[in-house]
């Protein structure tokens, strides 16, 4: 139940995790988080950010104001997604803490909670509670889970329940490891865009939007590889029966019902994204506080030709927010 938020530009993609939850969900593949001389580490891997940048709410609010933003939407970092089994206690602890932080921020912060991914019944009850929390717009989820994506399994169930309950969904990649991506940070530089495009493709070609026309869903990092492969998907949809089997519209048409953030790191790619999905479908994002973040999210978006008022209106539409 998002309710009114502050005026001004809205950053829909920023991360926060309270220090008491740095242990991460049971079975988390990378954790736990830890402080080392003021710098945040994920296991033994340095994240190149100050520890307090992830957990210190006054620091987040100060950065929000310095970036010229009116509102920052907080979600858990992807390594806190509960992908390894039962984690209801962790999820509830995060959602409770997030609701408290958002409630104390005077409309400058909004939230996207966590949801358990090990069973549909538990997920439904958690989503119902999120829908009743003031300041919580919806839920953040991974694009892939156990070899499945958004068109089947628990992730598809979460989308259906979110649409039914009026919750927004933010899809954030997990940076899943692969042997060929073990060097040069390729698990992020290649893996994240590929994970996200996989989820967009599953959503569009799986007919999920036909089944859930009220779904509000946003993909971060400009949709990853999506802008560059939409033409290929459309060609496949027109020429192959197995590609179009489950969907009623070509991907290049259906994609205009989604939202995508501006974290592309390339103004030309952001212009391509806008041309393919429509200006109405692009929202401002930062990926704060990671080193891969866009430090001037508003300036980057406007330099690529996007209008601040339109970006803010798009974000409010995605969040289901009042003025």
C-alpha atoms as a PDB file:
ATOM      1  CA  UNK A   1       0.000   0.000   0.000  1.00  0.00           C
ATOM      2  CA  UNK A   2       2.288   2.713  -1.282  1.00  0.00           C
ATOM      3  CA  UNK A   3       0.186   5.835  -0.707  1.00  0.00           C
ATOM      4  CA  UNK A   4       1.513   9.355  -1.374  1.00  0.00           C
ATOM      5  CA  UNK A   5       5.240   9.893  -1.778  1.00  0.00           C
ATOM      6  CA  UNK A   6       7.330  13.062  -1.901  1.00  0.00           C
ATOM      7  CA  UNK A   7       7.521  15.280  -4.974  1.00  0.00           C
ATOM      8  CA  UNK A   8      10.407  15.176  -7.409  1.00  0.00           C
ATOM      9  CA  UNK A   9      12.360  12.537  -9.332  1.00  0.00           C
ATOM     10  CA  UNK A  10      11.982   8.930  -8.182  1.00  0.00           C
ATOM     11  CA  UNK A  11      14.809   6.383  -8.135  1.00  0.00           C
ATOM     12  CA  UNK A  12      13.113   2.969  -8.317  1.00  0.00           C
ATOM     13  CA  UNK A  13      16.347   0.954  -7.998  1.00  0.00           C
ATOM     14  CA  UNK A  14      18.355   1.366  -4.800  1.00  0.00           C
ATOM     15  CA  UNK A  15      19.434  -1.148  -2.187  1.00  0.00           C
ATOM     16  CA  UNK A  16      19.274  -1.289   1.596  1.00  0.00           C
ATOM     17  CA  UNK A  17      19.912  -4.030   4.128  1.00  0.00           C
ATOM     18  CA  UNK A  18      20.003  -3.493   7.909  1.00  0.00           C
ATOM     19  CA  UNK A  19      23.227  -4.550   9.598  1.00  0.00           C
ATOM     20  CA  UNK A  20      21.431  -7.099  11.752  1.00  0.00           C
ATOM     21  CA  UNK A  21      20.542  -9.023   8.567  1.00  0.00           C
ATOM     22  CA  UNK A  22      24.035  -9.075   7.078  1.00  0.00           C
ATOM     23  CA  UNK A  23      24.111 -12.814   7.840  1.00  0.00           C
ATOM     24  CA  UNK A  24      21.821 -13.279   4.793  1.00  0.00           C
ATOM     25  CA  UNK A  25      19.159 -15.979   4.374  1.00  0.00           C
ATOM     26  CA  UNK A  26      19.967 -19.614   5.212  1.00  0.00           C
ATOM     27  CA  UNK A  27      22.044 -21.183   2.460  1.00  0.00           C
ATOM     28  CA  UNK A  28      22.871 -17.899   0.730  1.00  0.00           C
ATOM     29  CA  UNK A  29      25.512 -18.847  -1.846  1.00  0.00           C
ATOM     30  CA  UNK A  30      27.813 -15.853  -1.360  1.00  0.00           C
ATOM     31  CA  UNK A  31      27.430 -14.669   2.232  1.00  0.00           C
ATOM     32  CA  UNK A  32      27.549 -13.572   4.814  1.00  0.00           C
ATOM     33  CA  UNK A  33      28.160  -9.854   4.518  1.00  0.00           C
ATOM     34  CA  UNK A  34      30.787  -8.472   6.835  1.00  0.00           C
ATOM     35  CA  UNK A  35      32.558  -5.248   7.614  1.00  0.00           C
ATOM     36  CA  UNK A  36      36.315  -5.051   7.095  1.00  0.00           C
ATOM     37  CA  UNK A  37      37.841  -1.708   8.040  1.00  0.00           C
ATOM     38  CA  UNK A  38      34.670   0.104   7.097  1.00  0.00           C
ATOM     39  CA  UNK A  39      34.385  -1.613   3.710  1.00  0.00           C
ATOM     40  CA  UNK A  40      31.647  -4.115   2.949  1.00  0.00           C
ATOM     41  CA  UNK A  41      32.646  -7.647   1.946  1.00  0.00           C
ATOM     42  CA  UNK A  42      30.477 -10.466   0.620  1.00  0.00           C
ATOM     43  CA  UNK A  43      32.222 -13.446   2.085  1.00  0.00           C
ATOM     44  CA  UNK A  44      35.827 -12.801   1.080  1.00  0.00           C
ATOM     45  CA  UNK A  45      34.941 -10.587  -1.883  1.00  0.00           C
ATOM     46  CA  UNK A  46      35.252  -6.808  -1.352  1.00  0.00           C
ATOM     47  CA  UNK A  47      32.232  -4.902  -2.659  1.00  0.00           C
ATOM     48  CA  UNK A  48      34.114  -1.613  -2.977  1.00  0.00           C
ATOM     49  CA  UNK A  49      31.556   0.345  -0.974  1.00  0.00           C
ATOM     50  CA  UNK A  50      31.513   1.628   2.611  1.00  0.00           C
ATOM     51  CA  UNK A  51      29.636  -0.688   4.936  1.00  0.00           C
ATOM     52  CA  UNK A  52      27.367   2.102   6.124  1.00  0.00           C
ATOM     53  CA  UNK A  53      26.284   2.856   2.552  1.00  0.00           C
ATOM     54  CA  UNK A  54      24.224  -0.357   2.587  1.00  0.00           C
ATOM     55  CA  UNK A  55      22.651   0.030   6.019  1.00  0.00           C
ATOM     56  CA  UNK A  56      22.795   3.648   7.203  1.00  0.00           C
ATOM     57  CA  UNK A  57      19.466   5.341   6.492  1.00  0.00           C
ATOM     58  CA  UNK A  58      20.686   8.928   7.154  1.00  0.00           C
ATOM     59  CA  UNK A  59      23.515   8.333   4.671  1.00  0.00           C
ATOM     60  CA  UNK A  60      21.013   7.063   2.100  1.00  0.00           C
ATOM     61  CA  UNK A  61      18.755  10.070   2.624  1.00  0.00           C
ATOM     62  CA  UNK A  62      21.720  12.440   2.311  1.00  0.00           C
ATOM     63  CA  UNK A  63      22.768  10.798  -0.961  1.00  0.00           C
ATOM     64  CA  UNK A  64      19.163  10.936  -2.186  1.00  0.00           C
ATOM     65  CA  UNK A  65      19.042  14.702  -1.657  1.00  0.00           C
ATOM     66  CA  UNK A  66      22.525  15.251  -3.104  1.00  0.00           C
ATOM     67  CA  UNK A  67      21.509  13.349  -6.259  1.00  0.00           C
ATOM     68  CA  UNK A  68      18.540  15.677  -6.789  1.00  0.00           C
ATOM     69  CA  UNK A  69      16.015  12.939  -6.082  1.00  0.00           C
ATOM     70  CA  UNK A  70      12.734  13.399  -4.285  1.00  0.00           C
ATOM     71  CA  UNK A  71      12.188   9.714  -3.555  1.00  0.00           C
ATOM     72  CA  UNK A  72      14.340   6.601  -3.386  1.00  0.00           C
ATOM     73  CA  UNK A  73      12.723   3.150  -3.527  1.00  0.00           C
ATOM     74  CA  UNK A  74      14.665   0.673  -1.396  1.00  0.00           C
ATOM     75  CA  UNK A  75      14.922  -3.054  -2.037  1.00  0.00           C
ATOM     76  CA  UNK A  76      17.227  -5.766  -0.745  1.00  0.00           C
ATOM     77  CA  UNK A  77      20.500  -6.416  -2.568  1.00  0.00           C
ATOM     78  CA  UNK A  78      20.146  -9.525  -4.736  1.00  0.00           C
ATOM     79  CA  UNK A  79      22.431 -11.662  -2.591  1.00  0.00           C
ATOM     80  CA  UNK A  80      19.766 -11.351   0.140  1.00  0.00           C
ATOM     81  CA  UNK A  81      17.101 -13.003  -2.023  1.00  0.00           C
ATOM     82  CA  UNK A  82      15.998 -16.251  -0.311  1.00  0.00           C
ATOM     83  CA  UNK A  83      16.809 -18.604  -3.194  1.00  0.00           C
ATOM     84  CA  UNK A  84      18.288 -21.532  -1.266  1.00  0.00           C
ATOM     85  CA  UNK A  85      15.294 -22.830   0.676  1.00  0.00           C
ATOM     86  CA  UNK A  86      13.017 -21.884   3.581  1.00  0.00           C
ATOM     87  CA  UNK A  87      13.727 -18.362   4.861  1.00  0.00           C
ATOM     88  CA  UNK A  88      10.400 -17.088   6.212  1.00  0.00           C
ATOM     89  CA  UNK A  89      11.949 -15.684   9.384  1.00  0.00           C
ATOM     90  CA  UNK A  90      14.560 -13.724   7.445  1.00  0.00           C
ATOM     91  CA  UNK A  91      11.971 -12.415   4.988  1.00  0.00           C
ATOM     92  CA  UNK A  92       9.669 -11.246   7.758  1.00  0.00           C
ATOM     93  CA  UNK A  93      12.537  -9.560   9.597  1.00  0.00           C
ATOM     94  CA  UNK A  94      13.551  -7.667   6.462  1.00  0.00           C
ATOM     95  CA  UNK A  95      10.019  -6.617   5.555  1.00  0.00           C
ATOM     96  CA  UNK A  96       9.337  -5.394   9.092  1.00  0.00           C
ATOM     97  CA  UNK A  97      12.564  -3.377   9.195  1.00  0.00           C
ATOM     98  CA  UNK A  98      11.921  -1.939   5.733  1.00  0.00           C
ATOM     99  CA  UNK A  99       8.404  -0.825   6.670  1.00  0.00           C
ATOM    100  CA  UNK A 100       9.764   0.939   9.754  1.00  0.00           C
ATOM    101  CA  UNK A 101      12.456   2.777   7.770  1.00  0.00           C
ATOM    102  CA  UNK A 102      10.016   3.883   5.090  1.00  0.00           C
ATOM    103  CA  UNK A 103       7.445   5.054   7.645  1.00  0.00           C
ATOM    104  CA  UNK A 104       9.999   7.329   9.305  1.00  0.00           C
ATOM    105  CA  UNK A 105      11.212   9.017   6.088  1.00  0.00           C
ATOM    106  CA  UNK A 106       8.331  11.420   5.438  1.00  0.00           C
ATOM    107  CA  UNK A 107       7.664  10.144   1.913  1.00  0.00           C
ATOM    108  CA  UNK A 108      11.310  10.366   0.794  1.00  0.00           C
ATOM    109  CA  UNK A 109      11.640   6.572   0.857  1.00  0.00           C
ATOM    110  CA  UNK A 110       9.415   3.775  -0.390  1.00  0.00           C
ATOM    111  CA  UNK A 111       9.994   0.039  -0.223  1.00  0.00           C
ATOM    112  CA  UNK A 112       9.919  -3.183  -2.187  1.00  0.00           C
ATOM    113  CA  UNK A 113       9.950  -6.150   0.163  1.00  0.00           C
ATOM    114  CA  UNK A 114      11.207  -9.709   0.011  1.00  0.00           C
ATOM    115  CA  UNK A 115       9.162 -12.860  -0.485  1.00  0.00           C
ATOM    116  CA  UNK A 116       9.949 -16.502   0.253  1.00  0.00           C
ATOM    117  CA  UNK A 117      10.577 -18.551  -2.877  1.00  0.00           C
ATOM    118  CA  UNK A 118      10.305 -22.088  -1.524  1.00  0.00           C
ATOM    119  CA  UNK A 119       6.521 -22.456  -1.601  1.00  0.00           C
ATOM    120  CA  UNK A 120       3.433 -20.764  -2.966  1.00  0.00           C
ATOM    121  CA  UNK A 121       1.333 -20.689   0.216  1.00  0.00           C
ATOM    122  CA  UNK A 122       4.006 -18.945   2.280  1.00  0.00           C
ATOM    123  CA  UNK A 123       4.659 -16.471  -0.531  1.00  0.00           C
ATOM    124  CA  UNK A 124       0.982 -15.592  -0.767  1.00  0.00           C
ATOM    125  CA  UNK A 125       0.694 -14.799   2.941  1.00  0.00           C
ATOM    126  CA  UNK A 126       3.828 -12.644   2.849  1.00  0.00           C
ATOM    127  CA  UNK A 127       2.574 -10.742  -0.185  1.00  0.00           C
ATOM    128  CA  UNK A 128      -0.738 -10.086   1.555  1.00  0.00           C
ATOM    129  CA  UNK A 129       1.129  -8.559   4.476  1.00  0.00           C
ATOM    130  CA  UNK A 130       3.237  -6.416   2.152  1.00  0.00           C
ATOM    131  CA  UNK A 131       0.091  -5.155   0.447  1.00  0.00           C
ATOM    132  CA  UNK A 132      -1.220  -3.931   3.812  1.00  0.00           C
ATOM    133  CA  UNK A 133       1.986  -2.105   4.814  1.00  0.00           C
ATOM    134  CA  UNK A 134       2.021   1.682   4.328  1.00  0.00           C
ATOM    135  CA  UNK A 135       4.911   2.806   2.151  1.00  0.00           C
ATOM    136  CA  UNK A 136       5.542  -0.639   0.655  1.00  0.00           C
ATOM    137  CA  UNK A 137       4.897  -0.639  -3.081  1.00  0.00           C
ATOM    138  CA  UNK A 138       5.584  -4.274  -3.813  1.00  0.00           C
ATOM    139  CA  UNK A 139       8.308  -6.880  -3.977  1.00  0.00           C
ATOM    140  CA  UNK A 140      11.753  -7.461  -5.508  1.00  0.00           C
ATOM    141  CA  UNK A 141      12.508 -10.876  -7.005  1.00  0.00           C
ATOM    142  CA  UNK A 142      15.259 -12.624  -8.995  1.00  0.00           C
ATOM    143  CA  UNK A 143      14.781 -13.351 -12.713  1.00  0.00           C
ATOM    144  CA  UNK A 144      15.680 -17.040 -12.400  1.00  0.00           C
ATOM    145  CA  UNK A 145      15.116 -19.718  -9.788  1.00  0.00           C
ATOM    146  CA  UNK A 146      16.181 -23.339 -10.040  1.00  0.00           C
ATOM    147  CA  UNK A 147      16.223 -23.413 -13.828  1.00  0.00           C
ATOM    148  CA  UNK A 148      12.866 -21.637 -14.183  1.00  0.00           C
ATOM    149  CA  UNK A 149      11.971 -18.037 -14.937  1.00  0.00           C
ATOM    150  CA  UNK A 150       8.920 -15.780 -14.698  1.00  0.00           C
ATOM    151  CA  UNK A 151       6.573 -17.930 -16.765  1.00  0.00           C
ATOM    152  CA  UNK A 152       6.442 -20.925 -14.403  1.00  0.00           C
ATOM    153  CA  UNK A 153       6.894 -22.166 -10.861  1.00  0.00           C
ATOM    154  CA  UNK A 154       7.053 -19.989  -7.748  1.00  0.00           C
ATOM    155  CA  UNK A 155       8.162 -16.893  -9.636  1.00  0.00           C
ATOM    156  CA  UNK A 156       5.075 -17.096 -11.869  1.00  0.00           C
ATOM    157  CA  UNK A 157       2.942 -17.538  -8.743  1.00  0.00           C
ATOM    158  CA  UNK A 158       4.473 -14.411  -7.191  1.00  0.00           C
ATOM    159  CA  UNK A 159       3.619 -12.440 -10.324  1.00  0.00           C
ATOM    160  CA  UNK A 160       0.027 -13.629 -10.256  1.00  0.00           C
ATOM    161  CA  UNK A 161      -0.460 -12.812  -6.596  1.00  0.00           C
ATOM    162  CA  UNK A 162       1.249  -9.446  -6.984  1.00  0.00           C
ATOM    163  CA  UNK A 163      -1.094  -8.512  -9.828  1.00  0.00           C
ATOM    164  CA  UNK A 164      -4.093  -9.625  -7.775  1.00  0.00           C
ATOM    165  CA  UNK A 165      -2.978  -7.636  -4.730  1.00  0.00           C
ATOM    166  CA  UNK A 166      -1.909  -4.518  -6.626  1.00  0.00           C
ATOM    167  CA  UNK A 167       1.783  -4.918  -5.790  1.00  0.00           C
ATOM    168  CA  UNK A 168       4.596  -3.727  -8.050  1.00  0.00           C
ATOM    169  CA  UNK A 169       7.378  -6.175  -8.959  1.00  0.00           C
ATOM    170  CA  UNK A 170      11.031  -5.246  -9.496  1.00  0.00           C
ATOM    171  CA  UNK A 171      13.177  -7.921 -11.165  1.00  0.00           C
ATOM    172  CA  UNK A 172      16.874  -7.825 -10.262  1.00  0.00           C
ATOM    173  CA  UNK A 173      19.528 -10.296 -11.507  1.00  0.00           C
ATOM    174  CA  UNK A 174      21.486 -12.483  -9.097  1.00  0.00           C
ATOM    175  CA  UNK A 175      24.918 -12.451 -10.803  1.00  0.00           C
ATOM    176  CA  UNK A 176      24.875 -16.243 -11.055  1.00  0.00           C
ATOM    177  CA  UNK A 177      28.323 -17.809 -11.507  1.00  0.00           C
ATOM    178  CA  UNK A 178      29.369 -19.694 -14.642  1.00  0.00           C
ATOM    179  CA  UNK A 179      32.824 -21.146 -15.311  1.00  0.00           C
ATOM    180  CA  UNK A 180      33.384 -19.052 -18.412  1.00  0.00           C
ATOM    181  CA  UNK A 181      32.569 -15.880 -16.456  1.00  0.00           C
ATOM    182  CA  UNK A 182      34.858 -16.450 -13.480  1.00  0.00           C
ATOM    183  CA  UNK A 183      37.326 -13.693 -14.415  1.00  0.00           C
ATOM    184  CA  UNK A 184      37.105  -9.959 -15.101  1.00  0.00           C
ATOM    185  CA  UNK A 185      33.789  -9.560 -13.234  1.00  0.00           C
ATOM    186  CA  UNK A 186      32.018 -11.104 -16.235  1.00  0.00           C
ATOM    187  CA  UNK A 187      29.431 -12.718 -13.941  1.00  0.00           C
ATOM    188  CA  UNK A 188      28.187  -9.165 -13.480  1.00  0.00           C
ATOM    189  CA  UNK A 189      29.164  -7.504 -16.755  1.00  0.00           C
ATOM    190  CA  UNK A 190      27.688 -10.295 -18.911  1.00  0.00           C
ATOM    191  CA  UNK A 191      25.715 -12.399 -16.459  1.00  0.00           C
ATOM    192  CA  UNK A 192      23.412  -9.700 -15.150  1.00  0.00           C
ATOM    193  CA  UNK A 193      22.259  -8.495 -18.599  1.00  0.00           C
ATOM    194  CA  UNK A 194      21.719 -12.065 -19.787  1.00  0.00           C
ATOM    195  CA  UNK A 195      19.740 -13.079 -16.677  1.00  0.00           C
ATOM    196  CA  UNK A 196      17.453 -10.093 -17.076  1.00  0.00           C
ATOM    197  CA  UNK A 197      16.869 -10.602 -20.784  1.00  0.00           C
ATOM    198  CA  UNK A 198      16.063 -14.253 -20.104  1.00  0.00           C
ATOM    199  CA  UNK A 199      13.321 -13.186 -17.710  1.00  0.00           C
ATOM    200  CA  UNK A 200      11.924 -10.586 -20.109  1.00  0.00           C
ATOM    201  CA  UNK A 201      11.840 -13.173 -22.872  1.00  0.00           C
ATOM    202  CA  UNK A 202      10.112 -15.737 -20.661  1.00  0.00           C
ATOM    203  CA  UNK A 203       7.528 -13.155 -19.612  1.00  0.00           C
ATOM    204  CA  UNK A 204       6.748 -11.932 -23.121  1.00  0.00           C
ATOM    205  CA  UNK A 205       6.887 -15.239 -24.992  1.00  0.00           C
ATOM    206  CA  UNK A 206       5.291 -17.159 -22.124  1.00  0.00           C
ATOM    207  CA  UNK A 207       2.099 -15.120 -22.445  1.00  0.00           C
ATOM    208  CA  UNK A 208       2.254 -13.893 -18.849  1.00  0.00           C
ATOM    209  CA  UNK A 209       0.988 -10.435 -19.789  1.00  0.00           C
ATOM    210  CA  UNK A 210      -1.975 -11.988 -21.599  1.00  0.00           C
ATOM    211  CA  UNK A 211      -2.853 -13.750 -18.357  1.00  0.00           C
ATOM    212  CA  UNK A 212      -2.015 -10.827 -16.031  1.00  0.00           C
ATOM    213  CA  UNK A 213      -2.924  -7.584 -17.809  1.00  0.00           C
ATOM    214  CA  UNK A 214      -2.800  -5.609 -14.535  1.00  0.00           C
ATOM    215  CA  UNK A 215       0.744  -6.673 -13.649  1.00  0.00           C
ATOM    216  CA  UNK A 216       3.124  -3.787 -12.887  1.00  0.00           C
ATOM    217  CA  UNK A 217       6.661  -5.068 -13.431  1.00  0.00           C
ATOM    218  CA  UNK A 218      10.004  -3.334 -13.932  1.00  0.00           C
ATOM    219  CA  UNK A 219      13.343  -4.730 -15.098  1.00  0.00           C
ATOM    220  CA  UNK A 220      16.545  -3.072 -13.929  1.00  0.00           C
ATOM    221  CA  UNK A 221      19.727  -2.247 -15.877  1.00  0.00           C
ATOM    222  CA  UNK A 222      17.628  -1.130 -18.834  1.00  0.00           C
ATOM    223  CA  UNK A 223      16.360  -4.656 -19.344  1.00  0.00           C
ATOM    224  CA  UNK A 224      19.871  -6.011 -19.834  1.00  0.00           C
ATOM    225  CA  UNK A 225      20.260  -7.367 -23.373  1.00  0.00           C
ATOM    226  CA  UNK A 226      16.578  -6.861 -24.204  1.00  0.00           C
ATOM    227  CA  UNK A 227      16.795  -3.696 -26.349  1.00  0.00           C
ATOM    228  CA  UNK A 228      19.365  -5.315 -28.616  1.00  0.00           C
ATOM    229  CA  UNK A 229      17.519  -8.599 -29.153  1.00  0.00           C
ATOM    230  CA  UNK A 230      13.878  -7.488 -29.453  1.00  0.00           C
ATOM    231  CA  UNK A 231      14.151  -7.490 -33.248  1.00  0.00           C
ATOM    232  CA  UNK A 232      15.475 -11.055 -33.187  1.00  0.00           C
ATOM    233  CA  UNK A 233      12.640 -12.108 -30.873  1.00  0.00           C
ATOM    234  CA  UNK A 234      10.068 -10.499 -33.210  1.00  0.00           C
ATOM    235  CA  UNK A 235      11.535 -12.301 -36.214  1.00  0.00           C
ATOM    236  CA  UNK A 236      11.399 -15.605 -34.357  1.00  0.00           C
ATOM    237  CA  UNK A 237       7.821 -14.918 -33.269  1.00  0.00           C
ATOM    238  CA  UNK A 238       6.718 -14.284 -36.847  1.00  0.00           C
ATOM    239  CA  UNK A 239       8.526 -17.248 -38.391  1.00  0.00           C
ATOM    240  CA  UNK A 240       8.377 -20.046 -35.801  1.00  0.00           C
ATOM    241  CA  UNK A 241       5.238 -21.583 -34.314  1.00  0.00           C
ATOM    242  CA  UNK A 242       7.067 -22.754 -31.202  1.00  0.00           C
ATOM    243  CA  UNK A 243       8.148 -19.183 -30.422  1.00  0.00           C
ATOM    244  CA  UNK A 244       4.638 -17.697 -30.682  1.00  0.00           C
ATOM    245  CA  UNK A 245       2.835 -20.716 -29.191  1.00  0.00           C
ATOM    246  CA  UNK A 246       2.041 -19.127 -25.818  1.00  0.00           C
ATOM    247  CA  UNK A 247       1.742 -15.425 -26.636  1.00  0.00           C
ATOM    248  CA  UNK A 248      -0.790 -13.395 -28.578  1.00  0.00           C
ATOM    249  CA  UNK A 249       1.441 -10.444 -29.509  1.00  0.00           C
ATOM    250  CA  UNK A 250       4.969 -10.109 -30.880  1.00  0.00           C
ATOM    251  CA  UNK A 251       7.497  -9.227 -28.161  1.00  0.00           C
ATOM    252  CA  UNK A 252       8.222  -5.803 -29.656  1.00  0.00           C
ATOM    253  CA  UNK A 253       4.577  -4.876 -29.111  1.00  0.00           C
ATOM    254  CA  UNK A 254       4.003  -6.580 -25.749  1.00  0.00           C
ATOM    255  CA  UNK A 255       7.187  -5.097 -24.246  1.00  0.00           C
ATOM    256  CA  UNK A 256       5.563  -1.667 -24.134  1.00  0.00           C
ATOM    257  CA  UNK A 257       3.468  -2.826 -21.164  1.00  0.00           C
ATOM    258  CA  UNK A 258       6.597  -3.247 -19.000  1.00  0.00           C
ATOM    259  CA  UNK A 259       8.852  -0.748 -17.247  1.00  0.00           C
ATOM    260  CA  UNK A 260      12.655  -0.508 -17.473  1.00  0.00           C
ATOM    261  CA  UNK A 261      15.102   1.580 -15.485  1.00  0.00           C
ATOM    262  CA  UNK A 262      17.770   3.891 -16.881  1.00  0.00           C
ATOM    263  CA  UNK A 263      20.895   2.107 -15.550  1.00  0.00           C
ATOM    264  CA  UNK A 264      22.382   1.310 -18.965  1.00  0.00           C
ATOM    265  CA  UNK A 265      25.796   3.032 -18.559  1.00  0.00           C
ATOM    266  CA  UNK A 266      25.456   4.159 -22.166  1.00  0.00           C
ATOM    267  CA  UNK A 267      23.299   7.093 -23.356  1.00  0.00           C
ATOM    268  CA  UNK A 268      22.947   5.553 -26.823  1.00  0.00           C
ATOM    269  CA  UNK A 269      21.634   2.322 -25.329  1.00  0.00           C
ATOM    270  CA  UNK A 270      19.184   4.306 -23.208  1.00  0.00           C
ATOM    271  CA  UNK A 271      17.980   6.085 -26.346  1.00  0.00           C
ATOM    272  CA  UNK A 272      17.552   2.718 -28.075  1.00  0.00           C
ATOM    273  CA  UNK A 273      15.640   1.367 -25.083  1.00  0.00           C
ATOM    274  CA  UNK A 274      13.348   4.394 -25.096  1.00  0.00           C
ATOM    275  CA  UNK A 275      12.718   4.052 -28.825  1.00  0.00           C
ATOM    276  CA  UNK A 276      11.849   0.361 -28.502  1.00  0.00           C
ATOM    277  CA  UNK A 277       9.682   0.381 -25.358  1.00  0.00           C
ATOM    278  CA  UNK A 278       8.312   3.938 -25.389  1.00  0.00           C
ATOM    279  CA  UNK A 279       9.123   6.932 -23.223  1.00  0.00           C
ATOM    280  CA  UNK A 280       6.195   6.013 -20.946  1.00  0.00           C
ATOM    281  CA  UNK A 281       7.970   2.768 -19.962  1.00  0.00           C
ATOM    282  CA  UNK A 282      11.293   4.191 -18.729  1.00  0.00           C
ATOM    283  CA  UNK A 283      11.895   5.010 -15.059  1.00  0.00           C
ATOM    284  CA  UNK A 284      14.886   6.521 -13.301  1.00  0.00           C
ATOM    285  CA  UNK A 285      17.215   4.134 -11.476  1.00  0.00           C
ATOM    286  CA  UNK A 286      20.604   4.332  -9.797  1.00  0.00           C
ATOM    287  CA  UNK A 287      21.621   0.910  -8.344  1.00  0.00           C
ATOM    288  CA  UNK A 288      22.822   2.776  -5.227  1.00  0.00           C
ATOM    289  CA  UNK A 289      25.139   2.077  -3.387  1.00  0.00           C
ATOM    290  CA  UNK A 290      27.095  -0.367  -5.567  1.00  0.00           C
ATOM    291  CA  UNK A 291      30.195   0.516  -7.562  1.00  0.00           C
ATOM    292  CA  UNK A 292      28.233  -0.279 -10.741  1.00  0.00           C
ATOM    293  CA  UNK A 293      25.682   2.390  -9.823  1.00  0.00           C
ATOM    294  CA  UNK A 294      24.873   5.450 -11.888  1.00  0.00           C
ATOM    295  CA  UNK A 295      26.057   8.265  -9.567  1.00  0.00           C
ATOM    296  CA  UNK A 296      23.979  11.008 -11.232  1.00  0.00           C
ATOM    297  CA  UNK A 297      20.792   9.175 -12.194  1.00  0.00           C
ATOM    298  CA  UNK A 298      18.764  12.263 -13.085  1.00  0.00           C
ATOM    299  CA  UNK A 299      21.540  13.917 -15.079  1.00  0.00           C
ATOM    300  CA  UNK A 300      22.300  10.716 -16.965  1.00  0.00           C
ATOM    301  CA  UNK A 301      18.647  10.263 -17.937  1.00  0.00           C
ATOM    302  CA  UNK A 302      18.105  13.846 -19.036  1.00  0.00           C
ATOM    303  CA  UNK A 303      21.344  13.852 -21.056  1.00  0.00           C
ATOM    304  CA  UNK A 304      19.831  10.978 -23.053  1.00  0.00           C
ATOM    305  CA  UNK A 305      16.778  13.092 -23.849  1.00  0.00           C
ATOM    306  CA  UNK A 306      14.356  12.004 -21.140  1.00  0.00           C
ATOM    307  CA  UNK A 307      12.186  14.500 -19.306  1.00  0.00           C
ATOM    308  CA  UNK A 308      12.290  14.624 -15.492  1.00  0.00           C
ATOM    309  CA  UNK A 309       8.543  15.096 -15.104  1.00  0.00           C
ATOM    310  CA  UNK A 310       7.811  12.168 -17.409  1.00  0.00           C
ATOM    311  CA  UNK A 311      10.285   9.945 -15.575  1.00  0.00           C
ATOM    312  CA  UNK A 312       8.659  10.834 -12.241  1.00  0.00           C
ATOM    313  CA  UNK A 313       5.165  10.175 -13.587  1.00  0.00           C
ATOM    314  CA  UNK A 314       6.308   6.842 -15.010  1.00  0.00           C
ATOM    315  CA  UNK A 315       7.775   5.794 -11.660  1.00  0.00           C
ATOM    316  CA  UNK A 316       4.587   6.717  -9.824  1.00  0.00           C
ATOM    317  CA  UNK A 317       2.582   4.696 -12.345  1.00  0.00           C
ATOM    318  CA  UNK A 318       4.847   1.681 -11.826  1.00  0.00           C
ATOM    319  CA  UNK A 319       4.622   2.015  -8.039  1.00  0.00           C
ATOM    320  CA  UNK A 320       0.873   2.665  -8.004  1.00  0.00           C
ATOM    321  CA  UNK A 321       1.654   5.813  -6.005  1.00  0.00           C
ATOM    322  CA  UNK A 322      -0.428   8.859  -5.247  1.00  0.00           C
ATOM    323  CA  UNK A 323       1.000  12.362  -5.468  1.00  0.00           C
END
